[in-house]
């Protein structure tokens, strides 16, 4: 039975990352990955049953950690009393949100792989996870605060999903376009201001304000 050799996994993963970034998921060659790692395709198959599992091993940790950051921030917000959630709605998440942007830029290659070089289904799964977390937070806020966005018809679950999906899709454009971090921060900050204005009309009506 073939044995794993120490250090080979790390070399394979680095070679795989470069191959996926260069050629994308479909055109990436396991043979090329093995050769660049100074190894063999057999060494890959000992560790990963197929190309998808090798690719996932590169992006899954970043996906999980990013979702964990988002979840932690949203749960902290939802633990506040309903009145405080309303008063702090647009300021509370700043620290957690910018921590998530920092995380993206600290793991830029992994997000580049996820967004441009991998299987679309993996990215869609990732986006769905984030949107679900976002929507759960919104619904818990509405319940805790007695907000009438749902009962008035200004918000539906479908609209919440679309808005959240559009926001995060726009946010990830900074990775797709290789934006420098300082430019990305400015871009995302303007996006957040735009969405904040829109969410105010949903939560508090046209011309309604966050009291």
N, C-alpha and C. Protein backbone atom coordinates (compact mmCIF):
# COMPACT_ATOMS: atom_id res chain seq x y z
N UNK A 1 0.85 -1.20 0.00
CA UNK A 1 0.00 0.00 0.00
C UNK A 1 0.88 1.25 0.00
N UNK A 2 0.55 2.24 -0.86
CA UNK A 2 1.34 3.46 -0.95
C UNK A 2 1.26 4.25 0.34
N UNK A 3 2.36 4.87 0.70
CA UNK A 3 2.41 5.66 1.91
C UNK A 3 2.56 7.13 1.57
N UNK A 4 2.06 7.96 2.47
CA UNK A 4 2.26 9.39 2.33
C UNK A 4 3.68 9.75 2.78
N UNK A 5 4.28 10.67 2.06
CA UNK A 5 5.62 11.15 2.40
C UNK A 5 5.48 12.56 2.96
N UNK A 6 6.15 12.83 4.07
CA UNK A 6 6.06 14.14 4.72
C UNK A 6 6.43 15.25 3.76
N UNK A 7 5.65 16.33 3.77
CA UNK A 7 5.94 17.50 2.94
C UNK A 7 5.34 17.46 1.55
N UNK A 8 4.94 16.28 1.10
CA UNK A 8 4.40 16.16 -0.26
C UNK A 8 3.05 16.87 -0.38
N UNK A 9 2.21 16.73 0.62
CA UNK A 9 0.88 17.37 0.58
C UNK A 9 1.01 18.87 0.38
N UNK A 10 1.90 19.49 1.16
CA UNK A 10 2.09 20.93 1.05
C UNK A 10 2.56 21.33 -0.35
N UNK A 11 3.49 20.56 -0.91
CA UNK A 11 3.99 20.85 -2.25
C UNK A 11 2.89 20.67 -3.30
N UNK A 12 2.09 19.62 -3.13
CA UNK A 12 0.99 19.39 -4.07
C UNK A 12 -0.04 20.52 -4.01
N UNK A 13 -0.35 20.97 -2.80
CA UNK A 13 -1.35 22.02 -2.67
C UNK A 13 -0.86 23.34 -3.26
N UNK A 14 0.42 23.66 -3.07
CA UNK A 14 0.95 24.89 -3.65
C UNK A 14 0.98 24.79 -5.18
N UNK A 15 1.38 23.64 -5.70
CA UNK A 15 1.39 23.44 -7.15
C UNK A 15 -0.03 23.49 -7.72
N UNK A 16 -0.97 22.90 -6.97
CA UNK A 16 -2.37 22.91 -7.41
C UNK A 16 -2.92 24.33 -7.43
N UNK A 17 -2.61 25.10 -6.39
CA UNK A 17 -3.09 26.48 -6.33
C UNK A 17 -2.61 27.26 -7.56
N UNK A 18 -1.32 27.12 -7.90
CA UNK A 18 -0.78 27.84 -9.04
C UNK A 18 -1.39 27.36 -10.36
N UNK A 19 -1.61 26.07 -10.46
CA UNK A 19 -2.20 25.50 -11.69
C UNK A 19 -3.64 25.95 -11.87
N UNK A 20 -4.42 25.91 -10.80
CA UNK A 20 -5.82 26.36 -10.89
C UNK A 20 -5.89 27.86 -11.19
N UNK A 21 -5.03 28.64 -10.56
CA UNK A 21 -5.03 30.09 -10.81
C UNK A 21 -4.66 30.39 -12.26
N UNK A 22 -3.73 29.63 -12.79
CA UNK A 22 -3.26 29.89 -14.15
C UNK A 22 -4.26 29.42 -15.21
N UNK A 23 -4.78 28.21 -15.04
CA UNK A 23 -5.57 27.58 -16.10
C UNK A 23 -7.05 27.40 -15.80
N UNK A 24 -7.46 27.69 -14.56
CA UNK A 24 -8.85 27.46 -14.21
C UNK A 24 -9.12 26.00 -13.91
N UNK A 25 -10.30 25.74 -13.39
CA UNK A 25 -10.62 24.39 -12.93
C UNK A 25 -10.64 23.38 -14.08
N UNK A 26 -11.35 23.70 -15.14
CA UNK A 26 -11.56 22.74 -16.22
C UNK A 26 -10.25 22.35 -16.90
N UNK A 27 -9.36 23.33 -17.12
CA UNK A 27 -8.15 23.08 -17.88
C UNK A 27 -6.97 22.68 -17.00
N UNK A 28 -7.14 22.75 -15.68
CA UNK A 28 -6.05 22.38 -14.77
C UNK A 28 -5.71 20.90 -14.94
N UNK A 29 -4.41 20.60 -14.96
CA UNK A 29 -3.94 19.24 -15.19
C UNK A 29 -3.34 18.65 -13.92
N UNK A 30 -3.87 17.50 -13.52
CA UNK A 30 -3.31 16.81 -12.36
C UNK A 30 -1.88 16.36 -12.63
N UNK A 31 -1.60 16.01 -13.87
CA UNK A 31 -0.25 15.60 -14.23
C UNK A 31 0.73 16.76 -14.05
N UNK A 32 0.31 17.94 -14.51
CA UNK A 32 1.17 19.13 -14.35
C UNK A 32 1.37 19.46 -12.88
N UNK A 33 0.30 19.35 -12.10
CA UNK A 33 0.41 19.61 -10.66
C UNK A 33 1.42 18.66 -10.02
N UNK A 34 1.31 17.40 -10.36
CA UNK A 34 2.22 16.40 -9.80
C UNK A 34 3.67 16.70 -10.20
N UNK A 35 3.88 17.04 -11.45
CA UNK A 35 5.24 17.31 -11.93
C UNK A 35 5.83 18.54 -11.24
N UNK A 36 5.02 19.59 -11.09
CA UNK A 36 5.52 20.80 -10.44
C UNK A 36 5.82 20.57 -8.97
N UNK A 37 5.13 19.62 -8.37
CA UNK A 37 5.37 19.29 -6.97
C UNK A 37 6.50 18.27 -6.81
N UNK A 38 7.08 17.85 -7.95
CA UNK A 38 8.13 16.84 -7.90
C UNK A 38 7.61 15.51 -7.42
N UNK A 39 6.36 15.21 -7.82
CA UNK A 39 5.71 14.01 -7.31
C UNK A 39 5.02 13.27 -8.47
N UNK A 40 3.98 12.54 -8.15
CA UNK A 40 3.27 11.76 -9.16
C UNK A 40 1.76 11.89 -8.99
N UNK A 41 1.02 11.54 -10.05
CA UNK A 41 -0.44 11.56 -9.93
C UNK A 41 -0.91 10.59 -8.84
N UNK A 42 -0.17 9.51 -8.67
CA UNK A 42 -0.52 8.56 -7.61
C UNK A 42 -0.50 9.21 -6.25
N UNK A 43 0.47 10.12 -6.04
CA UNK A 43 0.55 10.83 -4.76
C UNK A 43 -0.67 11.72 -4.54
N UNK A 44 -1.21 12.24 -5.64
CA UNK A 44 -2.43 13.04 -5.54
C UNK A 44 -3.60 12.15 -5.13
N UNK A 45 -3.74 11.01 -5.82
CA UNK A 45 -4.90 10.15 -5.58
C UNK A 45 -4.88 9.48 -4.21
N UNK A 46 -3.68 9.35 -3.61
CA UNK A 46 -3.63 8.85 -2.23
C UNK A 46 -4.36 9.82 -1.30
N UNK A 47 -4.22 11.12 -1.61
CA UNK A 47 -4.75 12.17 -0.74
C UNK A 47 -6.12 12.67 -1.16
N UNK A 48 -6.38 12.71 -2.46
CA UNK A 48 -7.62 13.30 -2.98
C UNK A 48 -8.19 12.37 -4.05
N UNK A 49 -9.43 11.96 -3.93
CA UNK A 49 -10.00 11.01 -4.88
C UNK A 49 -10.18 11.57 -6.29
N UNK A 50 -10.27 12.90 -6.41
CA UNK A 50 -10.47 13.49 -7.73
C UNK A 50 -10.05 14.96 -7.71
N UNK A 51 -10.15 15.58 -8.87
CA UNK A 51 -9.74 16.98 -9.00
C UNK A 51 -10.58 17.89 -8.11
N UNK A 52 -11.87 17.61 -8.02
CA UNK A 52 -12.75 18.45 -7.21
C UNK A 52 -12.33 18.47 -5.75
N UNK A 53 -11.99 17.31 -5.20
CA UNK A 53 -11.61 17.26 -3.79
C UNK A 53 -10.28 17.97 -3.54
N UNK A 54 -9.37 17.93 -4.52
CA UNK A 54 -8.12 18.68 -4.42
C UNK A 54 -8.41 20.18 -4.44
N UNK A 55 -9.25 20.60 -5.36
CA UNK A 55 -9.64 22.00 -5.42
C UNK A 55 -10.32 22.45 -4.13
N UNK A 56 -11.22 21.62 -3.64
CA UNK A 56 -11.95 21.98 -2.41
C UNK A 56 -11.01 22.11 -1.22
N UNK A 57 -9.97 21.29 -1.19
CA UNK A 57 -9.03 21.37 -0.07
C UNK A 57 -8.33 22.72 -0.03
N UNK A 58 -8.26 23.39 -1.18
CA UNK A 58 -7.63 24.70 -1.26
C UNK A 58 -8.57 25.82 -0.81
N UNK A 59 -9.85 25.70 -1.13
CA UNK A 59 -10.77 26.82 -0.88
C UNK A 59 -11.68 26.63 0.33
N UNK A 60 -11.90 25.38 0.76
CA UNK A 60 -12.86 25.13 1.83
C UNK A 60 -12.49 25.83 3.15
N UNK A 61 -11.22 25.80 3.59
CA UNK A 61 -10.90 26.48 4.84
C UNK A 61 -11.22 27.98 4.81
N UNK A 62 -10.92 28.63 3.69
CA UNK A 62 -11.22 30.06 3.57
C UNK A 62 -12.73 30.30 3.55
N UNK A 63 -13.47 29.44 2.86
CA UNK A 63 -14.92 29.55 2.85
C UNK A 63 -15.49 29.44 4.26
N UNK A 64 -15.03 28.42 4.98
CA UNK A 64 -15.56 28.17 6.33
C UNK A 64 -15.21 29.29 7.29
N UNK A 65 -13.96 29.76 7.23
CA UNK A 65 -13.53 30.82 8.14
C UNK A 65 -14.26 32.13 7.85
N UNK A 66 -14.45 32.44 6.58
CA UNK A 66 -15.15 33.67 6.21
C UNK A 66 -16.60 33.62 6.71
N UNK A 67 -17.26 32.50 6.48
CA UNK A 67 -18.64 32.36 6.97
C UNK A 67 -18.68 32.44 8.49
N UNK A 68 -17.65 31.90 9.15
CA UNK A 68 -17.58 31.98 10.60
C UNK A 68 -17.47 33.41 11.09
N UNK A 69 -16.67 34.22 10.40
CA UNK A 69 -16.55 35.63 10.76
C UNK A 69 -17.88 36.36 10.61
N UNK A 70 -18.54 36.13 9.49
CA UNK A 70 -19.84 36.77 9.25
C UNK A 70 -20.85 36.32 10.32
N UNK A 71 -20.89 35.02 10.58
CA UNK A 71 -21.84 34.48 11.56
C UNK A 71 -21.60 35.05 12.94
N UNK A 72 -20.34 35.15 13.35
CA UNK A 72 -20.01 35.67 14.68
C UNK A 72 -20.49 37.10 14.84
N UNK A 73 -20.24 37.93 13.83
CA UNK A 73 -20.67 39.33 13.88
C UNK A 73 -22.19 39.44 13.95
N UNK A 74 -22.88 38.69 13.12
CA UNK A 74 -24.34 38.77 13.08
C UNK A 74 -24.97 38.24 14.36
N UNK A 75 -24.40 37.19 14.93
CA UNK A 75 -24.93 36.65 16.18
C UNK A 75 -24.73 37.63 17.33
N UNK A 76 -23.59 38.31 17.36
CA UNK A 76 -23.37 39.33 18.40
C UNK A 76 -24.40 40.43 18.28
N UNK A 77 -24.72 40.84 17.06
CA UNK A 77 -25.74 41.86 16.84
C UNK A 77 -27.10 41.39 17.33
N UNK A 78 -27.46 40.16 16.98
CA UNK A 78 -28.78 39.63 17.36
C UNK A 78 -28.92 39.40 18.86
N UNK A 79 -27.82 39.35 19.59
CA UNK A 79 -27.89 39.18 21.04
C UNK A 79 -28.26 40.47 21.76
N UNK A 80 -28.17 41.60 21.06
CA UNK A 80 -28.58 42.87 21.65
C UNK A 80 -30.10 42.92 21.79
N UNK A 81 -30.61 43.67 22.77
CA UNK A 81 -32.06 43.89 22.83
C UNK A 81 -32.55 44.54 21.54
N UNK A 82 -33.82 44.30 21.21
CA UNK A 82 -34.36 44.79 19.95
C UNK A 82 -34.16 46.28 19.72
N UNK A 83 -34.39 47.09 20.76
CA UNK A 83 -34.24 48.55 20.63
C UNK A 83 -32.80 48.91 20.30
N UNK A 84 -31.85 48.23 20.95
CA UNK A 84 -30.43 48.50 20.68
C UNK A 84 -30.04 48.03 19.28
N UNK A 85 -30.66 46.94 18.81
CA UNK A 85 -30.38 46.49 17.44
C UNK A 85 -30.76 47.59 16.45
N UNK A 86 -31.90 48.24 16.72
CA UNK A 86 -32.34 49.31 15.82
C UNK A 86 -31.38 50.49 15.87
N UNK A 87 -30.99 50.91 17.07
CA UNK A 87 -30.15 52.11 17.20
C UNK A 87 -28.73 51.87 16.70
N UNK A 88 -28.27 50.61 16.77
CA UNK A 88 -26.89 50.33 16.38
C UNK A 88 -26.77 49.59 15.04
N UNK A 89 -27.88 49.51 14.34
CA UNK A 89 -27.94 48.68 13.13
C UNK A 89 -26.81 48.97 12.14
N UNK A 90 -26.52 50.24 11.93
CA UNK A 90 -25.58 50.60 10.87
C UNK A 90 -24.16 50.85 11.37
N UNK A 91 -23.98 50.77 12.66
CA UNK A 91 -22.63 50.99 13.20
C UNK A 91 -22.05 49.73 13.83
N UNK A 92 -22.90 48.84 14.33
CA UNK A 92 -22.42 47.69 15.08
C UNK A 92 -21.53 46.78 14.25
N UNK A 93 -21.90 46.59 12.99
CA UNK A 93 -21.22 45.58 12.18
C UNK A 93 -19.90 46.07 11.58
N UNK A 94 -19.57 47.35 11.77
CA UNK A 94 -18.38 47.89 11.10
C UNK A 94 -17.12 47.08 11.40
N UNK A 95 -16.86 46.83 12.69
CA UNK A 95 -15.62 46.13 13.04
C UNK A 95 -15.60 44.73 12.42
N UNK A 96 -16.68 44.00 12.59
CA UNK A 96 -16.75 42.65 12.05
C UNK A 96 -16.69 42.63 10.54
N UNK A 97 -17.35 43.61 9.91
CA UNK A 97 -17.37 43.63 8.46
C UNK A 97 -15.98 43.90 7.89
N UNK A 98 -15.30 44.88 8.46
CA UNK A 98 -13.97 45.18 7.92
C UNK A 98 -12.97 44.09 8.27
N UNK A 99 -13.23 43.35 9.34
CA UNK A 99 -12.40 42.17 9.64
C UNK A 99 -12.55 41.14 8.52
N UNK A 100 -13.77 41.03 7.97
CA UNK A 100 -13.99 40.08 6.87
C UNK A 100 -13.28 40.53 5.60
N UNK A 101 -13.22 41.86 5.36
CA UNK A 101 -12.48 42.37 4.21
C UNK A 101 -10.99 42.09 4.40
N UNK A 102 -10.49 42.32 5.63
CA UNK A 102 -9.09 41.99 5.93
C UNK A 102 -8.82 40.52 5.64
N UNK A 103 -9.78 39.67 6.02
CA UNK A 103 -9.59 38.23 5.81
C UNK A 103 -9.48 37.91 4.31
N UNK A 104 -10.31 38.53 3.51
CA UNK A 104 -10.25 38.31 2.06
C UNK A 104 -8.86 38.64 1.53
N UNK A 105 -8.33 39.78 1.95
CA UNK A 105 -7.03 40.20 1.42
C UNK A 105 -5.87 39.43 2.04
N UNK A 106 -6.08 38.85 3.21
CA UNK A 106 -5.06 37.97 3.79
C UNK A 106 -5.05 36.60 3.13
N UNK A 107 -6.14 36.26 2.42
CA UNK A 107 -6.27 34.96 1.75
C UNK A 107 -6.71 35.19 0.30
N UNK A 108 -6.07 36.16 -0.33
CA UNK A 108 -6.53 36.61 -1.65
C UNK A 108 -6.48 35.50 -2.68
N UNK A 109 -5.41 34.69 -2.67
CA UNK A 109 -5.30 33.62 -3.67
C UNK A 109 -6.46 32.64 -3.56
N UNK A 110 -6.82 32.31 -2.33
CA UNK A 110 -7.91 31.34 -2.13
C UNK A 110 -9.24 31.90 -2.65
N UNK A 111 -9.49 33.20 -2.40
CA UNK A 111 -10.72 33.80 -2.91
C UNK A 111 -10.68 33.96 -4.42
N UNK A 112 -9.49 34.23 -4.95
CA UNK A 112 -9.35 34.30 -6.40
C UNK A 112 -9.66 32.95 -7.03
N UNK A 113 -9.18 31.89 -6.41
CA UNK A 113 -9.50 30.54 -6.86
C UNK A 113 -11.00 30.29 -6.82
N UNK A 114 -11.61 30.66 -5.72
CA UNK A 114 -13.04 30.41 -5.53
C UNK A 114 -13.88 31.16 -6.54
N UNK A 115 -13.49 32.41 -6.83
CA UNK A 115 -14.33 33.29 -7.63
C UNK A 115 -14.06 33.20 -9.14
N UNK A 116 -12.85 32.82 -9.53
CA UNK A 116 -12.52 32.88 -10.95
C UNK A 116 -11.95 31.59 -11.53
N UNK A 117 -11.45 30.70 -10.69
CA UNK A 117 -10.69 29.57 -11.22
C UNK A 117 -11.26 28.21 -10.87
N UNK A 118 -12.43 28.19 -10.26
CA UNK A 118 -12.95 26.93 -9.77
C UNK A 118 -14.29 26.56 -10.36
N UNK A 119 -14.94 25.63 -9.69
CA UNK A 119 -16.28 25.21 -10.09
C UNK A 119 -17.29 26.25 -9.66
N UNK A 120 -18.17 26.66 -10.55
CA UNK A 120 -19.18 27.65 -10.21
C UNK A 120 -20.08 27.16 -9.08
N UNK A 121 -20.33 25.86 -9.01
CA UNK A 121 -21.22 25.33 -7.97
C UNK A 121 -20.63 25.55 -6.58
N UNK A 122 -19.30 25.51 -6.46
CA UNK A 122 -18.67 25.73 -5.16
C UNK A 122 -18.87 27.17 -4.72
N UNK A 123 -18.69 28.11 -5.63
CA UNK A 123 -18.93 29.52 -5.31
C UNK A 123 -20.40 29.75 -4.96
N UNK A 124 -21.30 29.16 -5.72
CA UNK A 124 -22.73 29.35 -5.45
C UNK A 124 -23.10 28.80 -4.08
N UNK A 125 -22.50 27.69 -3.71
CA UNK A 125 -22.72 27.13 -2.37
C UNK A 125 -22.24 28.11 -1.30
N UNK A 126 -21.06 28.69 -1.52
CA UNK A 126 -20.48 29.66 -0.59
C UNK A 126 -21.38 30.89 -0.46
N UNK A 127 -21.79 31.44 -1.60
CA UNK A 127 -22.65 32.62 -1.59
C UNK A 127 -23.97 32.33 -0.88
N UNK A 128 -24.52 31.15 -1.13
CA UNK A 128 -25.78 30.76 -0.49
C UNK A 128 -25.63 30.73 1.03
N UNK A 129 -24.52 30.22 1.52
CA UNK A 129 -24.28 30.16 2.96
C UNK A 129 -24.27 31.55 3.57
N UNK A 130 -23.59 32.49 2.91
CA UNK A 130 -23.51 33.86 3.44
C UNK A 130 -24.87 34.53 3.42
N UNK A 131 -25.58 34.37 2.32
CA UNK A 131 -26.90 34.99 2.18
C UNK A 131 -27.87 34.44 3.22
N UNK A 132 -27.80 33.15 3.48
CA UNK A 132 -28.67 32.55 4.51
C UNK A 132 -28.37 33.14 5.89
N UNK A 133 -27.08 33.30 6.21
CA UNK A 133 -26.70 33.91 7.49
C UNK A 133 -27.24 35.34 7.58
N UNK A 134 -27.10 36.08 6.51
CA UNK A 134 -27.56 37.46 6.46
C UNK A 134 -29.07 37.55 6.64
N UNK A 135 -29.79 36.69 5.93
CA UNK A 135 -31.25 36.70 6.02
C UNK A 135 -31.75 36.28 7.39
N UNK A 136 -31.09 35.30 7.99
CA UNK A 136 -31.48 34.87 9.34
C UNK A 136 -31.33 36.01 10.33
N UNK A 137 -30.24 36.77 10.19
CA UNK A 137 -30.01 37.92 11.06
C UNK A 137 -31.12 38.95 10.88
N UNK A 138 -31.49 39.23 9.63
CA UNK A 138 -32.54 40.20 9.34
C UNK A 138 -33.86 39.76 9.96
N UNK A 139 -34.22 38.50 9.81
CA UNK A 139 -35.49 38.01 10.35
C UNK A 139 -35.49 38.02 11.88
N UNK A 140 -34.34 37.71 12.49
CA UNK A 140 -34.27 37.76 13.95
C UNK A 140 -34.39 39.20 14.45
N UNK A 141 -33.81 40.13 13.70
CA UNK A 141 -33.94 41.55 14.06
C UNK A 141 -35.40 41.98 14.01
N UNK A 142 -36.08 41.63 12.92
CA UNK A 142 -37.49 42.02 12.75
C UNK A 142 -38.34 41.47 13.90
N UNK A 143 -38.08 40.23 14.27
CA UNK A 143 -38.83 39.61 15.36
C UNK A 143 -38.52 40.29 16.70
N UNK A 144 -37.25 40.56 16.97
CA UNK A 144 -36.85 41.12 18.27
C UNK A 144 -37.30 42.57 18.43
N UNK A 145 -37.32 43.31 17.33
CA UNK A 145 -37.62 44.74 17.41
C UNK A 145 -39.08 45.08 17.13
N UNK A 146 -39.82 44.12 16.58
CA UNK A 146 -41.20 44.41 16.20
C UNK A 146 -41.30 45.25 14.94
N UNK A 147 -40.23 45.28 14.15
CA UNK A 147 -40.24 46.06 12.91
C UNK A 147 -41.31 45.54 11.97
N UNK A 148 -41.94 46.47 11.21
CA UNK A 148 -43.07 46.08 10.37
C UNK A 148 -42.70 45.87 8.90
N UNK A 149 -41.41 45.69 8.61
CA UNK A 149 -40.99 45.57 7.21
C UNK A 149 -41.69 44.41 6.50
N UNK A 150 -41.82 43.28 7.19
CA UNK A 150 -42.49 42.11 6.59
C UNK A 150 -44.00 42.31 6.55
N UNK A 151 -44.56 42.69 7.69
CA UNK A 151 -46.03 42.80 7.78
C UNK A 151 -46.57 43.88 6.85
N UNK A 152 -45.77 44.92 6.58
CA UNK A 152 -46.20 46.00 5.70
C UNK A 152 -46.04 45.63 4.22
N UNK A 153 -45.28 44.58 3.97
CA UNK A 153 -45.03 44.17 2.59
C UNK A 153 -43.81 44.84 1.96
N UNK A 154 -43.11 45.70 2.73
CA UNK A 154 -41.93 46.34 2.16
C UNK A 154 -40.79 45.34 1.94
N UNK A 155 -40.80 44.25 2.71
CA UNK A 155 -39.77 43.23 2.57
C UNK A 155 -40.41 41.86 2.48
N UNK A 156 -39.92 41.05 1.57
CA UNK A 156 -40.29 39.64 1.49
C UNK A 156 -39.00 38.83 1.63
N UNK A 157 -39.09 37.56 2.02
CA UNK A 157 -37.88 36.74 2.07
C UNK A 157 -37.14 36.70 0.74
N UNK A 158 -37.91 36.70 -0.35
CA UNK A 158 -37.28 36.66 -1.68
C UNK A 158 -36.49 37.94 -1.95
N UNK A 159 -37.06 39.09 -1.57
CA UNK A 159 -36.36 40.36 -1.78
C UNK A 159 -35.12 40.42 -0.90
N UNK A 160 -35.24 39.96 0.34
CA UNK A 160 -34.08 39.93 1.24
C UNK A 160 -32.95 39.11 0.65
N UNK A 161 -33.30 37.97 0.07
CA UNK A 161 -32.30 37.10 -0.54
C UNK A 161 -31.62 37.80 -1.72
N UNK A 162 -32.42 38.44 -2.57
CA UNK A 162 -31.87 39.13 -3.74
C UNK A 162 -30.93 40.26 -3.34
N UNK A 163 -31.32 41.04 -2.34
CA UNK A 163 -30.51 42.18 -1.92
C UNK A 163 -29.19 41.72 -1.30
N UNK A 164 -29.26 40.70 -0.48
CA UNK A 164 -28.05 40.19 0.15
C UNK A 164 -27.11 39.58 -0.88
N UNK A 165 -27.67 38.80 -1.79
CA UNK A 165 -26.88 38.18 -2.84
C UNK A 165 -26.21 39.23 -3.71
N UNK A 166 -26.95 40.29 -4.06
CA UNK A 166 -26.40 41.35 -4.90
C UNK A 166 -25.27 42.08 -4.18
N UNK A 167 -25.43 42.30 -2.87
CA UNK A 167 -24.40 43.01 -2.12
C UNK A 167 -23.10 42.21 -2.09
N UNK A 168 -23.18 40.95 -1.70
CA UNK A 168 -21.95 40.16 -1.57
C UNK A 168 -21.32 39.86 -2.93
N UNK A 169 -22.17 39.70 -3.95
CA UNK A 169 -21.62 39.52 -5.30
C UNK A 169 -20.83 40.75 -5.71
N UNK A 170 -21.37 41.94 -5.41
CA UNK A 170 -20.66 43.17 -5.71
C UNK A 170 -19.38 43.31 -4.91
N UNK A 171 -19.44 42.91 -3.66
CA UNK A 171 -18.27 42.98 -2.80
C UNK A 171 -17.13 42.11 -3.35
N UNK A 172 -17.47 40.93 -3.82
CA UNK A 172 -16.44 40.02 -4.31
C UNK A 172 -15.86 40.44 -5.66
N UNK A 173 -16.49 41.42 -6.30
CA UNK A 173 -15.93 41.93 -7.55
C UNK A 173 -14.52 42.50 -7.34
N UNK A 174 -14.23 42.96 -6.12
CA UNK A 174 -12.90 43.53 -5.88
C UNK A 174 -11.82 42.47 -6.07
N UNK A 175 -12.16 41.21 -5.78
CA UNK A 175 -11.22 40.11 -5.98
C UNK A 175 -11.11 39.77 -7.46
N UNK A 176 -12.24 39.68 -8.11
CA UNK A 176 -12.26 39.33 -9.53
C UNK A 176 -11.42 40.31 -10.35
N UNK A 177 -11.47 41.60 -9.95
CA UNK A 177 -10.75 42.63 -10.69
C UNK A 177 -9.40 42.99 -10.08
N UNK A 178 -8.93 42.17 -9.15
CA UNK A 178 -7.60 42.38 -8.55
C UNK A 178 -7.41 43.80 -8.01
N UNK A 179 -8.44 44.32 -7.36
CA UNK A 179 -8.36 45.67 -6.82
C UNK A 179 -7.37 45.74 -5.66
N UNK A 180 -6.50 46.75 -5.63
CA UNK A 180 -5.68 46.95 -4.44
C UNK A 180 -6.58 47.16 -3.22
N UNK A 181 -6.09 46.78 -2.06
CA UNK A 181 -6.95 46.80 -0.87
C UNK A 181 -7.49 48.19 -0.56
N UNK A 182 -6.67 49.23 -0.66
CA UNK A 182 -7.16 50.57 -0.32
C UNK A 182 -8.28 51.00 -1.26
N UNK A 183 -8.16 50.64 -2.52
CA UNK A 183 -9.21 50.95 -3.49
C UNK A 183 -10.46 50.11 -3.21
N UNK A 184 -10.26 48.87 -2.83
CA UNK A 184 -11.39 47.99 -2.53
C UNK A 184 -12.18 48.50 -1.33
N UNK A 185 -11.47 48.95 -0.30
CA UNK A 185 -12.14 49.47 0.90
C UNK A 185 -13.03 50.66 0.53
N UNK A 186 -12.50 51.55 -0.31
CA UNK A 186 -13.30 52.71 -0.73
C UNK A 186 -14.51 52.27 -1.54
N UNK A 187 -14.30 51.33 -2.43
CA UNK A 187 -15.38 50.80 -3.28
C UNK A 187 -16.49 50.17 -2.42
N UNK A 188 -16.10 49.33 -1.48
CA UNK A 188 -17.07 48.63 -0.65
C UNK A 188 -17.78 49.59 0.31
N UNK A 189 -17.04 50.57 0.82
CA UNK A 189 -17.65 51.55 1.72
C UNK A 189 -18.76 52.32 1.01
N UNK A 190 -18.52 52.70 -0.24
CA UNK A 190 -19.56 53.40 -1.00
C UNK A 190 -20.75 52.48 -1.27
N UNK A 191 -20.46 51.23 -1.57
CA UNK A 191 -21.53 50.25 -1.76
C UNK A 191 -22.39 50.12 -0.51
N UNK A 192 -21.72 50.06 0.65
CA UNK A 192 -22.45 49.92 1.91
C UNK A 192 -23.35 51.13 2.16
N UNK A 193 -22.86 52.32 1.85
CA UNK A 193 -23.69 53.52 2.03
C UNK A 193 -24.93 53.45 1.14
N UNK A 194 -24.74 52.98 -0.07
CA UNK A 194 -25.85 52.84 -1.02
C UNK A 194 -26.90 51.87 -0.48
N UNK A 195 -26.43 50.70 -0.02
CA UNK A 195 -27.36 49.69 0.49
C UNK A 195 -28.00 50.13 1.81
N UNK A 196 -27.25 50.86 2.64
CA UNK A 196 -27.82 51.35 3.90
C UNK A 196 -29.01 52.25 3.64
N UNK A 197 -28.87 53.15 2.66
CA UNK A 197 -29.98 54.04 2.32
C UNK A 197 -31.20 53.24 1.87
N UNK A 198 -30.97 52.20 1.08
CA UNK A 198 -32.07 51.36 0.62
C UNK A 198 -32.72 50.58 1.75
N UNK A 199 -31.90 50.01 2.64
CA UNK A 199 -32.45 49.25 3.76
C UNK A 199 -33.26 50.14 4.70
N UNK A 200 -32.88 51.41 4.83
CA UNK A 200 -33.66 52.33 5.68
C UNK A 200 -35.08 52.47 5.15
N UNK A 201 -35.23 52.52 3.83
CA UNK A 201 -36.59 52.64 3.27
C UNK A 201 -37.38 51.35 3.50
N UNK A 202 -36.69 50.23 3.55
CA UNK A 202 -37.38 48.96 3.79
C UNK A 202 -37.78 48.83 5.26
N UNK A 203 -36.86 49.15 6.16
CA UNK A 203 -37.15 48.99 7.59
C UNK A 203 -38.05 50.09 8.14
N UNK A 204 -37.91 51.32 7.62
CA UNK A 204 -38.60 52.45 8.25
C UNK A 204 -39.50 53.21 7.30
N UNK A 205 -39.68 52.72 6.08
CA UNK A 205 -40.57 53.38 5.13
C UNK A 205 -39.87 54.49 4.38
N UNK A 206 -40.48 54.97 3.31
CA UNK A 206 -39.89 56.05 2.53
C UNK A 206 -39.73 57.29 3.40
N UNK A 207 -38.50 57.73 3.54
CA UNK A 207 -38.24 58.89 4.37
C UNK A 207 -38.14 58.56 5.85
N UNK A 208 -38.37 57.25 6.19
CA UNK A 208 -38.24 56.84 7.58
C UNK A 208 -36.80 56.86 8.02
N UNK A 209 -36.58 57.06 9.29
CA UNK A 209 -35.23 57.15 9.82
C UNK A 209 -35.00 56.15 10.92
N UNK A 210 -33.75 55.84 11.14
CA UNK A 210 -33.34 54.95 12.21
C UNK A 210 -33.25 55.77 13.50
N UNK A 211 -34.21 55.59 14.37
CA UNK A 211 -34.22 56.34 15.62
C UNK A 211 -33.52 55.56 16.71
